[in-house]
PDB file of N, CA and C in Angstrom:
ATOM      1  N   MET A   1    -103.374 -26.028-140.318  1.00  0.00           N
ATOM      2  CA  MET A   1    -104.806 -26.036-140.058  1.00  0.00           C
ATOM      3  C   MET A   1    -105.119 -25.044-138.936  1.00  0.00           C
ATOM      4  N   ASP A   2    -106.066 -24.187-139.168  1.00  0.00           N
ATOM      5  CA  ASP A   2    -106.479 -23.175-138.201  1.00  0.00           C
ATOM      6  C   ASP A   2    -107.233 -23.831-137.041  1.00  0.00           C
ATOM      7  N   PRO A   3    -106.873 -23.524-135.770  1.00  0.00           N
ATOM      8  CA  PRO A   3    -107.561 -24.149-134.632  1.00  0.00           C
ATOM      9  C   PRO A   3    -109.051 -23.807-134.562  1.00  0.00           C
ATOM     10  N   ASP A   4    -109.472 -22.684-135.154  1.00  0.00           N
ATOM     11  CA  ASP A   4    -110.886 -22.304-135.145  1.00  0.00           C
ATOM     12  C   ASP A   4    -111.635 -22.871-136.349  1.00  0.00           C
ATOM     13  N   GLU A   5    -110.952 -23.695-137.123  1.00  0.00           N
ATOM     14  CA  GLU A   5    -111.565 -24.267-138.320  1.00  0.00           C
ATOM     15  C   GLU A   5    -112.728 -25.190-137.960  1.00  0.00           C
ATOM     16  N   ILE A   6    -113.754 -25.158-138.785  1.00  0.00           N
ATOM     17  CA  ILE A   6    -114.912 -26.031-138.625  1.00  0.00           C
ATOM     18  C   ILE A   6    -114.736 -27.205-139.585  1.00  0.00           C
ATOM     19  N   LEU A   7    -114.859 -28.407-139.043  1.00  0.00           N
ATOM     20  CA  LEU A   7    -114.634 -29.622-139.815  1.00  0.00           C
ATOM     21  C   LEU A   7    -115.931 -30.396-140.007  1.00  0.00           C
ATOM     22  N   ASN A   8    -116.023 -31.124-141.110  1.00  0.00           N
ATOM     23  CA  ASN A   8    -117.140 -32.038-141.294  1.00  0.00           C
ATOM     24  C   ASN A   8    -116.694 -33.442-140.873  1.00  0.00           C
ATOM     25  N   ILE A   9    -117.580 -34.398-140.979  1.00  0.00           N
ATOM     26  CA  ILE A   9    -117.289 -35.741-140.478  1.00  0.00           C
ATOM     27  C   ILE A   9    -116.116 -36.387-141.218  1.00  0.00           C
ATOM     28  N   LYS A  10    -116.026 -36.151-142.517  1.00  0.00           N
ATOM     29  CA  LYS A  10    -114.920 -36.704-143.309  1.00  0.00           C
ATOM     30  C   LYS A  10    -113.595 -36.065-142.896  1.00  0.00           C
ATOM     31  N   ASP A  11    -113.614 -34.746-142.662  1.00  0.00           N
ATOM     32  CA  ASP A  11    -112.405 -34.057-142.204  1.00  0.00           C
ATOM     33  C   ASP A  11    -111.921 -34.635-140.875  1.00  0.00           C
ATOM     34  N   VAL A  12    -112.871 -34.876-139.957  1.00  0.00           N
ATOM     35  CA  VAL A  12    -112.516 -35.429-138.639  1.00  0.00           C
ATOM     36  C   VAL A  12    -111.928 -36.827-138.794  1.00  0.00           C
ATOM     37  N   SER A  13    -112.540 -37.624-139.640  1.00  0.00           N
ATOM     38  CA  SER A  13    -112.038 -38.968-139.902  1.00  0.00           C
ATOM     39  C   SER A  13    -110.596 -38.920-140.401  1.00  0.00           C
ATOM     40  N   ASN A  14    -110.325 -38.041-141.339  1.00  0.00           N
ATOM     41  CA  ASN A  14    -108.964 -37.892-141.872  1.00  0.00           C
ATOM     42  C   ASN A  14    -108.005 -37.332-140.830  1.00  0.00           C
ATOM     43  N   TYR A  15    -108.460 -36.332-140.081  1.00  0.00           N
ATOM     44  CA  TYR A  15    -107.607 -35.675-139.089  1.00  0.00           C
ATOM     45  C   TYR A  15    -107.205 -36.644-137.972  1.00  0.00           C
ATOM     46  N   LEU A  16    -108.167 -37.422-137.477  1.00  0.00           N
ATOM     47  CA  LEU A  16    -107.883 -38.358-136.387  1.00  0.00           C
ATOM     48  C   LEU A  16    -107.425 -39.725-136.885  1.00  0.00           C
ATOM     49  N   LYS A  17    -107.491 -39.926-138.202  1.00  0.00           N
ATOM     50  CA  LYS A  17    -107.082 -41.183-138.825  1.00  0.00           C
ATOM     51  C   LYS A  17    -107.860 -42.374-138.271  1.00  0.00           C
ATOM     52  N   ILE A  18    -109.181 -42.174-138.231  1.00  0.00           N
ATOM     53  CA  ILE A  18    -110.092 -43.236-137.808  1.00  0.00           C
ATOM     54  C   ILE A  18    -111.233 -43.311-138.829  1.00  0.00           C
ATOM     55  N   PRO A  19    -111.903 -44.458-138.919  1.00  0.00           N
ATOM     56  CA  PRO A  19    -113.002 -44.585-139.884  1.00  0.00           C
ATOM     57  C   PRO A  19    -114.162 -43.629-139.583  1.00  0.00           C
ATOM     58  N   ILE A  20    -114.869 -43.238-140.627  1.00  0.00           N
ATOM     59  CA  ILE A  20    -116.032 -42.363-140.472  1.00  0.00           C
ATOM     60  C   ILE A  20    -117.053 -42.998-139.533  1.00  0.00           C
ATOM     61  N   SER A  21    -117.235 -44.309-139.632  1.00  0.00           N
ATOM     62  CA  SER A  21    -118.201 -44.996-138.765  1.00  0.00           C
ATOM     63  C   SER A  21    -117.832 -44.833-137.288  1.00  0.00           C
ATOM     64  N   THR A  22    -116.543 -44.807-136.992  1.00  0.00           N
ATOM     65  CA  THR A  22    -116.092 -44.611-135.609  1.00  0.00           C
ATOM     66  C   THR A  22    -116.391 -43.194-135.144  1.00  0.00           C
ATOM     67  N   VAL A  23    -116.222 -42.221-136.025  1.00  0.00           N
ATOM     68  CA  VAL A  23    -116.542 -40.833-135.676  1.00  0.00           C
ATOM     69  C   VAL A  23    -118.026 -40.721-135.334  1.00  0.00           C
ATOM     70  N   TYR A  24    -118.892 -41.317-136.175  1.00  0.00           N
ATOM     71  CA  TYR A  24    -120.329 -41.295-135.894  1.00  0.00           C
ATOM     72  C   TYR A  24    -120.621 -41.924-134.528  1.00  0.00           C
ATOM     73  N   LYS A  25    -119.992 -43.044-134.229  1.00  0.00           N
ATOM     74  CA  LYS A  25    -120.217 -43.736-132.947  1.00  0.00           C
ATOM     75  C   LYS A  25    -119.781 -42.851-131.777  1.00  0.00           C
ATOM     76  N   LEU A  26    -118.617 -42.228-131.889  1.00  0.00           N
ATOM     77  CA  LEU A  26    -118.121 -41.359-130.824  1.00  0.00           C
ATOM     78  C   LEU A  26    -119.051 -40.172-130.597  1.00  0.00           C
ATOM     79  N   VAL A  27    -119.592 -39.616-131.674  1.00  0.00           N
ATOM     80  CA  VAL A  27    -120.522 -38.486-131.554  1.00  0.00           C
ATOM     81  C   VAL A  27    -121.816 -38.941-130.888  1.00  0.00           C
ATOM     82  N   GLN A  28    -122.352 -40.070-131.335  1.00  0.00           N
ATOM     83  CA  GLN A  28    -123.606 -40.570-130.778  1.00  0.00           C
ATOM     84  C   GLN A  28    -123.462 -40.925-129.305  1.00  0.00           C
ATOM     85  N   ASP A  29    -122.277 -41.369-128.904  1.00  0.00           N
ATOM     86  CA  ASP A  29    -122.016 -41.704-127.504  1.00  0.00           C
ATOM     87  C   ASP A  29    -121.674 -40.471-126.666  1.00  0.00           C
ATOM     88  N   GLY A  30    -121.591 -39.300-127.306  1.00  0.00           N
ATOM     89  CA  GLY A  30    -121.279 -38.063-126.600  1.00  0.00           C
ATOM     90  C   GLY A  30    -119.816 -37.927-126.210  1.00  0.00           C
ATOM     91  N   LYS A  31    -118.956 -38.683-126.855  1.00  0.00           N
ATOM     92  CA  LYS A  31    -117.528 -38.656-126.514  1.00  0.00           C
ATOM     93  C   LYS A  31    -116.737 -37.623-127.308  1.00  0.00           C
ATOM     94  N   VAL A  32    -117.343 -37.110-128.373  1.00  0.00           N
ATOM     95  CA  VAL A  32    -116.705 -36.088-129.198  1.00  0.00           C
ATOM     96  C   VAL A  32    -117.682 -34.928-129.332  1.00  0.00           C
ATOM     97  N   PRO A  33    -117.254 -33.709-128.988  1.00  0.00           N
ATOM     98  CA  PRO A  33    -118.154 -32.564-129.094  1.00  0.00           C
ATOM     99  C   PRO A  33    -118.447 -32.221-130.550  1.00  0.00           C
ATOM    100  N   ALA A  34    -119.723 -32.067-130.866  1.00  0.00           N
ATOM    101  CA  ALA A  34    -120.139 -31.749-132.230  1.00  0.00           C
ATOM    102  C   ALA A  34    -121.499 -31.062-132.197  1.00  0.00           C
ATOM    103  N   VAL A  35    -121.819 -30.406-133.297  1.00  0.00           N
ATOM    104  CA  VAL A  35    -123.109 -29.747-133.464  1.00  0.00           C
ATOM    105  C   VAL A  35    -123.721 -30.291-134.744  1.00  0.00           C
ATOM    106  N   LYS A  36    -125.007 -30.602-134.689  1.00  0.00           N
ATOM    107  CA  LYS A  36    -125.688 -31.123-135.865  1.00  0.00           C
ATOM    108  C   LYS A  36    -126.543 -30.035-136.492  1.00  0.00           C
ATOM    109  N   PHE A  37    -126.316 -29.788-137.773  1.00  0.00           N
ATOM    110  CA  PHE A  37    -127.103 -28.843-138.553  1.00  0.00           C
ATOM    111  C   PHE A  37    -127.859 -29.660-139.592  1.00  0.00           C
ATOM    112  N   GLY A  38    -129.138 -29.857-139.368  1.00  0.00           N
ATOM    113  CA  GLY A  38    -129.902 -30.731-140.258  1.00  0.00           C
ATOM    114  C   GLY A  38    -129.363 -32.146-140.156  1.00  0.00           C
ATOM    115  N   LYS A  39    -128.864 -32.673-141.260  1.00  0.00           N
ATOM    116  CA  LYS A  39    -128.290 -34.020-141.273  1.00  0.00           C
ATOM    117  C   LYS A  39    -126.771 -34.003-141.146  1.00  0.00           C
ATOM    118  N   HIS A  40    -126.180 -32.831-141.001  1.00  0.00           N
ATOM    119  CA  HIS A  40    -124.730 -32.695-141.071  1.00  0.00           C
ATOM    120  C   HIS A  40    -124.105 -32.353-139.722  1.00  0.00           C
ATOM    121  N   TRP A  41    -123.096 -33.118-139.352  1.00  0.00           N
ATOM    122  CA  TRP A  41    -122.347 -32.854-138.129  1.00  0.00           C
ATOM    123  C   TRP A  41    -121.197 -31.907-138.428  1.00  0.00           C
ATOM    124  N   ARG A  42    -120.930 -31.000-137.500  1.00  0.00           N
ATOM    125  CA  ARG A  42    -119.801 -30.076-137.611  1.00  0.00           C
ATOM    126  C   ARG A  42    -119.019 -30.095-136.301  1.00  0.00           C
ATOM    127  N   PHE A  43    -117.714 -29.930-136.428  1.00  0.00           N
ATOM    128  CA  PHE A  43    -116.790 -30.034-135.303  1.00  0.00           C
ATOM    129  C   PHE A  43    -115.831 -28.857-135.337  1.00  0.00           C
ATOM    130  N   LEU A  44    -115.447 -28.366-134.168  1.00  0.00           N
ATOM    131  CA  LEU A  44    -114.387 -27.367-134.086  1.00  0.00           C
ATOM    132  C   LEU A  44    -113.070 -28.099-133.889  1.00  0.00           C
ATOM    133  N   LYS A  45    -112.097 -27.775-134.711  1.00  0.00           N
ATOM    134  CA  LYS A  45    -110.793 -28.430-134.623  1.00  0.00           C
ATOM    135  C   LYS A  45    -110.192 -28.257-133.235  1.00  0.00           C
ATOM    136  N   LYS A  46    -110.353 -27.079-132.640  1.00  0.00           N
ATOM    137  CA  LYS A  46    -109.766 -26.840-131.319  1.00  0.00           C
ATOM    138  C   LYS A  46    -110.390 -27.750-130.258  1.00  0.00           C
ATOM    139  N   ASP A  47    -111.682 -28.104-130.413  1.00  0.00           N
ATOM    140  CA  ASP A  47    -112.310 -29.048-129.479  1.00  0.00           C
ATOM    141  C   ASP A  47    -111.695 -30.437-129.613  1.00  0.00           C
ATOM    142  N   LEU A  48    -111.412 -30.850-130.840  1.00  0.00           N
ATOM    143  CA  LEU A  48    -110.786 -32.155-131.063  1.00  0.00           C
ATOM    144  C   LEU A  48    -109.368 -32.175-130.507  1.00  0.00           C
ATOM    145  N   ASP A  49    -108.633 -31.079-130.707  1.00  0.00           N
ATOM    146  CA  ASP A  49    -107.276 -30.986-130.170  1.00  0.00           C
ATOM    147  C   ASP A  49    -107.287 -31.051-128.643  1.00  0.00           C
ATOM    148  N   HIS A  50    -108.235 -30.350-128.037  1.00  0.00           N
ATOM    149  CA  HIS A  50    -108.362 -30.346-126.577  1.00  0.00           C
ATOM    150  C   HIS A  50    -108.711 -31.742-126.061  1.00  0.00           C
ATOM    151  N   LEU A  51    -109.643 -32.399-126.719  1.00  0.00           N
ATOM    152  CA  LEU A  51    -110.029 -33.753-126.351  1.00  0.00           C
ATOM    153  C   LEU A  51    -108.840 -34.707-126.462  1.00  0.00           C
ATOM    154  N   PHE A  52    -108.078 -34.577-127.523  1.00  0.00           N
ATOM    155  CA  PHE A  52    -106.902 -35.415-127.737  1.00  0.00           C
ATOM    156  C   PHE A  52    -105.893 -35.211-126.609  1.00  0.00           C
ATOM    157  N   GLU A  53    -105.662 -33.975-126.229  1.00  0.00           N
ATOM    158  CA  GLU A  53    -104.720 -33.682-125.137  1.00  0.00           C
ATOM    159  C   GLU A  53    -105.206 -34.286-123.823  1.00  0.00           C
ATOM    160  N   GLN A  54    -106.507 -34.203-123.545  1.00  0.00           N
ATOM    161  CA  GLN A  54    -107.061 -34.793-122.315  1.00  0.00           C
ATOM    162  C   GLN A  54    -106.861 -36.301-122.308  1.00  0.00           C
ATOM    163  N   LYS A  55    -107.163 -36.947-123.411  1.00  0.00           N
ATOM    164  CA  LYS A  55    -107.055 -38.409-123.513  1.00  0.00           C
ATOM    165  C   LYS A  55    -105.614 -38.873-123.391  1.00  0.00           C
ATOM    166  N   LYS A  56    -104.709 -38.064-123.894  1.00  0.00           N
ATOM    167  CA  LYS A  56    -103.288 -38.411-123.880  1.00  0.00           C
ATOM    168  C   LYS A  56    -102.782 -38.580-122.453  1.00  0.00           C
ATOM    169  N   PHE A  57    -103.303 -37.783-121.535  1.00  0.00           N
ATOM    170  CA  PHE A  57    -102.812 -37.812-120.166  1.00  0.00           C
ATOM    171  C   PHE A  57    -103.646 -38.683-119.246  1.00  0.00           C
ATOM    172  N   GLU A  58    -104.763 -39.236-119.721  1.00  0.00           N
ATOM    173  CA  GLU A  58    -105.604 -40.089-118.871  1.00  0.00           C
ATOM    174  C   GLU A  58    -104.928 -41.415-118.530  1.00  0.00           C
ATOM    175  N   ASP A  59    -104.053 -41.886-119.391  1.00  0.00           N
ATOM    176  CA  ASP A  59    -103.417 -43.187-119.181  1.00  0.00           C
ATOM    177  C   ASP A  59    -102.269 -43.140-118.187  1.00  0.00           C
ATOM    178  N   PHE A  60    -101.871 -41.937-117.736  1.00  0.00           N
ATOM    179  CA  PHE A  60    -100.744 -41.837-116.811  1.00  0.00           C
ATOM    180  C   PHE A  60    -101.195 -41.778-115.378  1.00  0.00           C
TER     181      PHE A  60
END
């Protein structure tokens, strides 16, 4: 998967292995960076990877 790839909500759900409803909640709470085009959310894979790396080290 290309780090500059643009993902939709279903792609993010599959990539992070979480329900689509959880992705929507995280976006609405501002916890996941996303851009809304009309009714459609779009995500940069590299932003999700960066967020994952940050969260991984918060527990230490």
